[in-house]
Amino acid sequence: MDQTISPNDAPAGEPDFLAGYVSEEEYARRRGVSLRTCQRDRQLRQSPPYVQFGRRIYYRVEAVREWLVKNERDADRTPAAPRARRGR
């Protein structure tokens, strides 16, 4: 069930107002995670901006790219502190 929105989905002569958007299913597939993971991230407000049409969720491709850049991390070059051992 591929829900990718493409310019060919619009009727002839009508502009495709969903051009540049991907469905939540396609977003999850491209991330390599389950749909439920994307839903949980959205509920926890840890997802890119999205729009909702009825019950369907769409992500603007450019907003996802901006979100990825904003959440990019530098490589941590300092070694992690060793974990304290617990006595039994």
Protein backbone atom coordinates (compact mmCIF):
# COMPACT_ATOMS: atom_id res chain seq x y z
CA MET A 1 0.00 0.00 0.00
CA ASP A 2 2.24 2.76 -1.28
CA GLN A 3 0.70 6.16 -0.55
CA THR A 4 3.29 8.35 -2.26
CA ILE A 5 1.72 11.52 -3.59
CA SER A 6 2.86 12.31 -7.10
CA PRO A 7 1.92 14.98 -9.64
CA ASN A 8 0.23 12.28 -11.74
CA ASP A 9 -2.43 11.76 -9.04
CA ALA A 10 -4.10 15.11 -9.79
CA PRO A 11 -6.89 15.19 -12.38
CA ALA A 12 -5.93 16.75 -15.70
CA GLY A 13 -5.92 20.54 -15.62
CA GLU A 14 -6.03 20.80 -11.83
CA PRO A 15 -3.01 21.77 -9.74
CA ASP A 16 -1.77 19.10 -7.34
CA PHE A 17 -1.86 20.80 -3.94
CA LEU A 18 -0.16 17.77 -2.32
CA ALA A 19 2.93 17.98 -4.51
CA GLY A 20 5.95 18.05 -2.23
CA TYR A 21 4.21 16.06 0.53
CA VAL A 22 4.56 12.41 1.52
CA SER A 23 2.06 10.32 3.43
CA GLU A 24 2.83 9.07 6.89
CA GLU A 25 3.18 5.54 5.51
CA GLU A 26 5.78 6.66 2.98
CA TYR A 27 7.59 8.72 5.62
CA ALA A 28 7.80 5.65 7.90
CA ARG A 29 9.01 3.47 5.03
CA ARG A 30 11.76 5.93 4.11
CA ARG A 31 12.84 6.20 7.76
CA GLY A 32 12.89 2.45 8.06
CA VAL A 33 10.59 2.37 11.07
CA SER A 34 7.05 1.19 11.71
CA LEU A 35 4.02 3.39 11.25
CA ARG A 36 3.38 3.08 14.98
CA THR A 37 6.84 4.54 15.74
CA CYS A 38 5.99 7.61 13.64
CA GLN A 39 2.66 7.95 15.42
CA ARG A 40 4.34 7.73 18.83
CA ASP A 41 6.98 10.31 17.82
CA ARG A 42 4.21 12.64 16.71
CA GLN A 43 2.35 12.19 20.01
CA LEU A 44 5.56 12.92 21.95
CA ARG A 45 6.18 16.00 19.77
CA GLN A 46 9.44 14.54 18.48
CA SER A 47 8.49 14.52 14.81
CA PRO A 48 8.84 16.96 11.94
CA PRO A 49 5.96 19.38 11.29
CA TYR A 50 2.96 17.71 9.65
CA VAL A 51 -0.48 18.47 8.26
CA GLN A 52 -3.63 16.48 8.80
CA PHE A 53 -6.40 16.03 6.22
CA GLY A 54 -9.22 14.16 7.90
CA ARG A 55 -7.49 11.18 9.47
CA ARG A 56 -4.55 11.22 7.07
CA ILE A 57 -1.15 12.68 8.05
CA TYR A 58 1.24 14.21 5.50
CA TYR A 59 4.76 15.56 5.87
CA ARG A 60 6.18 18.28 3.66
CA VAL A 61 9.44 16.94 2.27
CA GLU A 62 11.27 20.24 2.72
CA ALA A 63 10.07 20.53 6.35
CA VAL A 64 11.40 17.02 7.05
CA ARG A 65 14.79 18.02 5.60
CA GLU A 66 14.86 21.19 7.72
CA TRP A 67 13.91 19.18 10.81
CA LEU A 68 16.71 16.70 10.13
CA VAL A 69 19.28 19.50 9.81
CA LYS A 70 17.99 21.17 12.98
CA ASN A 71 18.31 17.90 14.91
CA GLU A 72 21.70 17.00 13.50
CA ARG A 73 24.33 16.24 16.13
CA ASP A 74 28.08 16.66 16.00
CA ALA A 75 30.14 13.57 16.58
CA ASP A 76 31.04 13.33 20.24
CA ARG A 77 34.80 12.84 20.35
CA THR A 78 35.14 12.50 24.12
CA PRO A 79 35.01 8.97 25.49
CA ALA A 80 32.08 8.10 27.67
CA ALA A 81 32.76 7.79 31.39
CA PRO A 82 32.97 4.19 32.53
CA ARG A 83 29.88 2.91 34.27
CA ALA A 84 30.04 2.40 37.98
CA ARG A 85 29.89 -1.24 38.96
CA ARG A 86 27.26 -2.25 41.43
CA GLY A 87 28.23 -4.53 44.25
CA ARG A 88 26.21 -7.65 44.74
